[in-house]
Amino acid sequence: MVVEAAANGTSAVASTAVPEEALIDGVTGFKVPSFDPRDYAQKLCDLIYNQDNWSRLSLAAVRHARKYDHIEVAKQYLELIEKYSKR
């Protein structure tokens, strides 16, 4: 759901269990290395109440999510198939 949120311009606040491919800490959202809900709340506040943060992370999230667009992924598969079928 992190990539879907990013595709819509919503940066995520998630645990460190989320892979780097889905959420780049400090670039497309925030990762919280804790189970303490107060740490999550603090990161959410950092995101919500800092308009510059919100804008920067939101734009980066949208750009990052484009790599996972189904059309782009299909093109990559076709390129691989063409490359390896010529052997």
N, C-alpha and C. Protein backbone atom coordinates (compact mmCIF):
# COMPACT_ATOMS: atom_id res chain seq x y z
N MET A 1 0.80 -1.19 0.00
CA MET A 1 0.00 0.00 0.00
C MET A 1 0.85 1.25 0.00
N VAL A 2 2.11 1.13 0.35
CA VAL A 2 3.00 2.29 0.38
C VAL A 2 3.17 2.86 -1.02
N VAL A 3 3.37 1.99 -2.02
CA VAL A 3 3.57 2.46 -3.39
C VAL A 3 2.28 3.06 -3.94
N GLU A 4 1.14 2.48 -3.61
CA GLU A 4 -0.14 3.03 -4.06
C GLU A 4 -0.36 4.42 -3.47
N ALA A 5 -0.02 4.58 -2.22
CA ALA A 5 -0.14 5.90 -1.59
C ALA A 5 0.80 6.89 -2.29
N ALA A 6 2.03 6.45 -2.53
CA ALA A 6 3.01 7.31 -3.19
C ALA A 6 2.54 7.75 -4.57
N ALA A 7 1.93 6.83 -5.31
CA ALA A 7 1.44 7.15 -6.65
C ALA A 7 0.40 8.25 -6.63
N ASN A 8 -0.26 8.40 -5.50
CA ASN A 8 -1.28 9.44 -5.35
C ASN A 8 -0.77 10.66 -4.59
N GLY A 9 0.55 10.72 -4.39
CA GLY A 9 1.14 11.88 -3.75
C GLY A 9 1.07 11.90 -2.24
N THR A 10 0.79 10.74 -1.65
CA THR A 10 0.73 10.65 -0.19
C THR A 10 1.95 9.90 0.32
N SER A 11 2.78 10.62 1.03
CA SER A 11 3.97 10.00 1.61
C SER A 11 3.56 9.16 2.80
N ALA A 12 4.28 8.08 3.01
CA ALA A 12 3.94 7.16 4.09
C ALA A 12 4.86 7.32 5.28
N VAL A 13 4.35 6.95 6.43
CA VAL A 13 5.13 6.78 7.65
C VAL A 13 4.95 5.31 7.99
N ALA A 14 6.05 4.55 7.95
CA ALA A 14 5.96 3.10 8.09
C ALA A 14 7.14 2.57 8.89
N SER A 15 7.06 1.30 9.21
CA SER A 15 8.15 0.65 9.95
C SER A 15 9.34 0.40 9.04
N THR A 16 10.44 0.06 9.62
CA THR A 16 11.64 -0.24 8.85
C THR A 16 11.53 -1.58 8.12
N ALA A 17 10.44 -2.30 8.34
CA ALA A 17 10.22 -3.56 7.64
C ALA A 17 9.81 -3.33 6.18
N VAL A 18 9.37 -2.13 5.87
CA VAL A 18 8.99 -1.82 4.49
C VAL A 18 10.27 -1.73 3.66
N PRO A 19 10.32 -2.45 2.53
CA PRO A 19 11.55 -2.47 1.73
C PRO A 19 11.91 -1.10 1.16
N GLU A 20 13.18 -0.90 0.95
CA GLU A 20 13.70 0.36 0.39
C GLU A 20 13.10 0.64 -0.99
N GLU A 21 12.76 -0.41 -1.73
CA GLU A 21 12.16 -0.22 -3.05
C GLU A 21 10.80 0.47 -2.95
N ALA A 22 10.13 0.30 -1.83
CA ALA A 22 8.80 0.87 -1.66
C ALA A 22 8.83 2.23 -0.97
N LEU A 23 9.74 2.42 -0.02
CA LEU A 23 9.78 3.65 0.77
C LEU A 23 11.23 4.01 1.07
N ILE A 24 11.66 5.15 0.54
CA ILE A 24 13.02 5.62 0.79
C ILE A 24 12.94 6.63 1.94
N ASP A 25 13.51 6.26 3.06
CA ASP A 25 13.42 7.07 4.27
C ASP A 25 13.95 8.48 4.05
N GLY A 26 13.11 9.46 4.37
CA GLY A 26 13.50 10.85 4.25
C GLY A 26 13.40 11.41 2.84
N VAL A 27 13.06 10.55 1.87
CA VAL A 27 12.96 10.97 0.48
C VAL A 27 11.51 10.86 -0.01
N THR A 28 10.91 9.69 0.17
CA THR A 28 9.52 9.48 -0.27
C THR A 28 8.56 9.33 0.91
N GLY A 29 9.10 9.34 2.11
CA GLY A 29 8.31 9.19 3.33
C GLY A 29 9.26 8.98 4.50
N PHE A 30 8.73 8.48 5.58
CA PHE A 30 9.56 8.25 6.75
C PHE A 30 9.43 6.82 7.24
N LYS A 31 10.55 6.26 7.67
CA LYS A 31 10.55 4.96 8.34
C LYS A 31 10.80 5.20 9.82
N VAL A 32 10.11 4.43 10.64
CA VAL A 32 10.23 4.57 12.09
C VAL A 32 10.84 3.28 12.64
N PRO A 33 12.04 3.37 13.23
CA PRO A 33 12.72 2.18 13.73
C PRO A 33 12.31 1.82 15.16
N SER A 34 11.00 1.81 15.38
CA SER A 34 10.50 1.62 16.74
C SER A 34 9.09 1.05 16.68
N PHE A 35 8.66 0.50 17.79
CA PHE A 35 7.27 0.04 17.91
C PHE A 35 6.44 1.00 18.75
N ASP A 36 7.04 2.09 19.14
CA ASP A 36 6.39 3.07 20.02
C ASP A 36 5.47 3.98 19.18
N PRO A 37 4.17 3.97 19.45
CA PRO A 37 3.24 4.80 18.69
C PRO A 37 3.57 6.29 18.76
N ARG A 38 4.23 6.73 19.83
CA ARG A 38 4.59 8.14 19.92
C ARG A 38 5.62 8.52 18.86
N ASP A 39 6.50 7.58 18.51
CA ASP A 39 7.48 7.84 17.45
C ASP A 39 6.79 7.99 16.09
N TYR A 40 5.78 7.16 15.86
CA TYR A 40 5.01 7.27 14.62
C TYR A 40 4.26 8.60 14.59
N ALA A 41 3.67 8.96 15.71
CA ALA A 41 2.93 10.21 15.81
C ALA A 41 3.83 11.41 15.53
N GLN A 42 5.05 11.37 16.04
CA GLN A 42 5.99 12.47 15.82
C GLN A 42 6.32 12.61 14.34
N LYS A 43 6.56 11.48 13.68
CA LYS A 43 6.87 11.53 12.24
C LYS A 43 5.67 12.03 11.44
N LEU A 44 4.47 11.60 11.84
CA LEU A 44 3.27 12.09 11.16
C LEU A 44 3.13 13.60 11.33
N CYS A 45 3.40 14.09 12.52
CA CYS A 45 3.35 15.53 12.76
C CYS A 45 4.41 16.26 11.93
N ASP A 46 5.61 15.68 11.83
CA ASP A 46 6.66 16.26 11.01
C ASP A 46 6.21 16.39 9.56
N LEU A 47 5.44 15.42 9.11
CA LEU A 47 4.96 15.41 7.74
C LEU A 47 3.79 16.38 7.55
N ILE A 48 2.83 16.30 8.43
CA ILE A 48 1.59 17.08 8.28
C ILE A 48 1.80 18.58 8.51
N TYR A 49 2.56 18.93 9.51
CA TYR A 49 2.67 20.34 9.90
C TYR A 49 3.84 21.08 9.26
N ASN A 50 4.62 20.41 8.45
CA ASN A 50 5.73 21.05 7.76
C ASN A 50 5.43 21.00 6.26
N GLN A 51 4.88 22.08 5.73
CA GLN A 51 4.43 22.11 4.34
C GLN A 51 5.57 21.85 3.35
N ASP A 52 6.77 22.35 3.66
CA ASP A 52 7.92 22.09 2.78
C ASP A 52 8.24 20.60 2.73
N ASN A 53 8.22 19.96 3.90
CA ASN A 53 8.44 18.51 3.97
C ASN A 53 7.39 17.78 3.15
N TRP A 54 6.13 18.13 3.38
CA TRP A 54 5.02 17.48 2.70
C TRP A 54 5.19 17.58 1.18
N SER A 55 5.46 18.79 0.70
CA SER A 55 5.58 19.01 -0.75
C SER A 55 6.76 18.23 -1.33
N ARG A 56 7.89 18.31 -0.69
CA ARG A 56 9.10 17.63 -1.18
C ARG A 56 8.92 16.12 -1.20
N LEU A 57 8.42 15.56 -0.10
CA LEU A 57 8.24 14.11 -0.01
C LEU A 57 7.15 13.63 -0.96
N SER A 58 6.08 14.41 -1.07
CA SER A 58 4.97 14.03 -1.95
C SER A 58 5.42 13.96 -3.40
N LEU A 59 6.13 14.96 -3.85
CA LEU A 59 6.63 14.97 -5.23
C LEU A 59 7.59 13.81 -5.48
N ALA A 60 8.49 13.59 -4.56
CA ALA A 60 9.44 12.48 -4.71
C ALA A 60 8.72 11.13 -4.69
N ALA A 61 7.68 11.02 -3.88
CA ALA A 61 6.92 9.76 -3.82
C ALA A 61 6.24 9.46 -5.15
N VAL A 62 5.64 10.47 -5.76
CA VAL A 62 4.98 10.28 -7.05
C VAL A 62 6.00 9.84 -8.10
N ARG A 63 7.14 10.51 -8.13
CA ARG A 63 8.18 10.14 -9.10
C ARG A 63 8.67 8.71 -8.88
N HIS A 64 8.87 8.37 -7.62
CA HIS A 64 9.36 7.03 -7.29
C HIS A 64 8.34 5.96 -7.68
N ALA A 65 7.08 6.22 -7.44
CA ALA A 65 6.03 5.23 -7.73
C ALA A 65 5.88 4.97 -9.22
N ARG A 66 6.25 5.92 -10.04
CA ARG A 66 6.13 5.74 -11.50
C ARG A 66 6.96 4.56 -12.00
N LYS A 67 8.02 4.23 -11.28
CA LYS A 67 8.85 3.09 -11.68
C LYS A 67 8.06 1.78 -11.62
N TYR A 68 6.99 1.77 -10.85
CA TYR A 68 6.22 0.55 -10.65
C TYR A 68 4.89 0.57 -11.41
N ASP A 69 4.73 1.52 -12.29
CA ASP A 69 3.54 1.58 -13.15
C ASP A 69 3.47 0.31 -14.00
N HIS A 70 2.29 -0.26 -14.14
CA HIS A 70 2.18 -1.54 -14.85
C HIS A 70 2.66 -1.47 -16.30
N ILE A 71 2.49 -0.34 -16.94
CA ILE A 71 2.96 -0.20 -18.32
C ILE A 71 4.50 -0.21 -18.35
N GLU A 72 5.12 0.52 -17.43
CA GLU A 72 6.58 0.55 -17.38
C GLU A 72 7.16 -0.82 -17.04
N VAL A 73 6.54 -1.52 -16.11
CA VAL A 73 7.01 -2.85 -15.74
C VAL A 73 6.86 -3.81 -16.92
N ALA A 74 5.74 -3.71 -17.65
CA ALA A 74 5.53 -4.57 -18.82
C ALA A 74 6.59 -4.30 -19.88
N LYS A 75 6.96 -3.03 -20.09
CA LYS A 75 8.02 -2.69 -21.05
C LYS A 75 9.35 -3.33 -20.64
N GLN A 76 9.64 -3.30 -19.35
CA GLN A 76 10.89 -3.90 -18.87
C GLN A 76 10.89 -5.40 -19.11
N TYR A 77 9.76 -6.05 -18.88
CA TYR A 77 9.66 -7.49 -19.15
C TYR A 77 9.89 -7.77 -20.63
N LEU A 78 9.27 -6.98 -21.50
CA LEU A 78 9.45 -7.18 -22.94
C LEU A 78 10.91 -7.00 -23.35
N GLU A 79 11.57 -6.01 -22.79
CA GLU A 79 12.98 -5.80 -23.09
C GLU A 79 13.81 -7.00 -22.68
N LEU A 80 13.53 -7.55 -21.52
CA LEU A 80 14.27 -8.73 -21.05
C LEU A 80 13.99 -9.94 -21.94
N ILE A 81 12.75 -10.13 -22.32
CA ILE A 81 12.38 -11.25 -23.17
C ILE A 81 13.09 -11.13 -24.52
N GLU A 82 13.08 -9.94 -25.09
CA GLU A 82 13.75 -9.72 -26.37
C GLU A 82 15.25 -9.94 -26.25
N LYS A 83 15.83 -9.44 -25.18
CA LYS A 83 17.28 -9.58 -24.98
C LYS A 83 17.69 -11.04 -24.87
N TYR A 84 16.97 -11.82 -24.07
CA TYR A 84 17.37 -13.20 -23.83
C TYR A 84 16.84 -14.19 -24.84
N SER A 85 15.89 -13.81 -25.66
CA SER A 85 15.39 -14.73 -26.68
C SER A 85 16.28 -14.71 -27.93
N LYS A 86 17.18 -13.75 -28.02
CA LYS A 86 18.08 -13.64 -29.17
C LYS A 86 19.31 -14.51 -29.00
N ARG A 87 19.46 -15.17 -27.88
CA ARG A 87 20.65 -15.99 -27.63
C ARG A 87 20.57 -17.30 -28.35
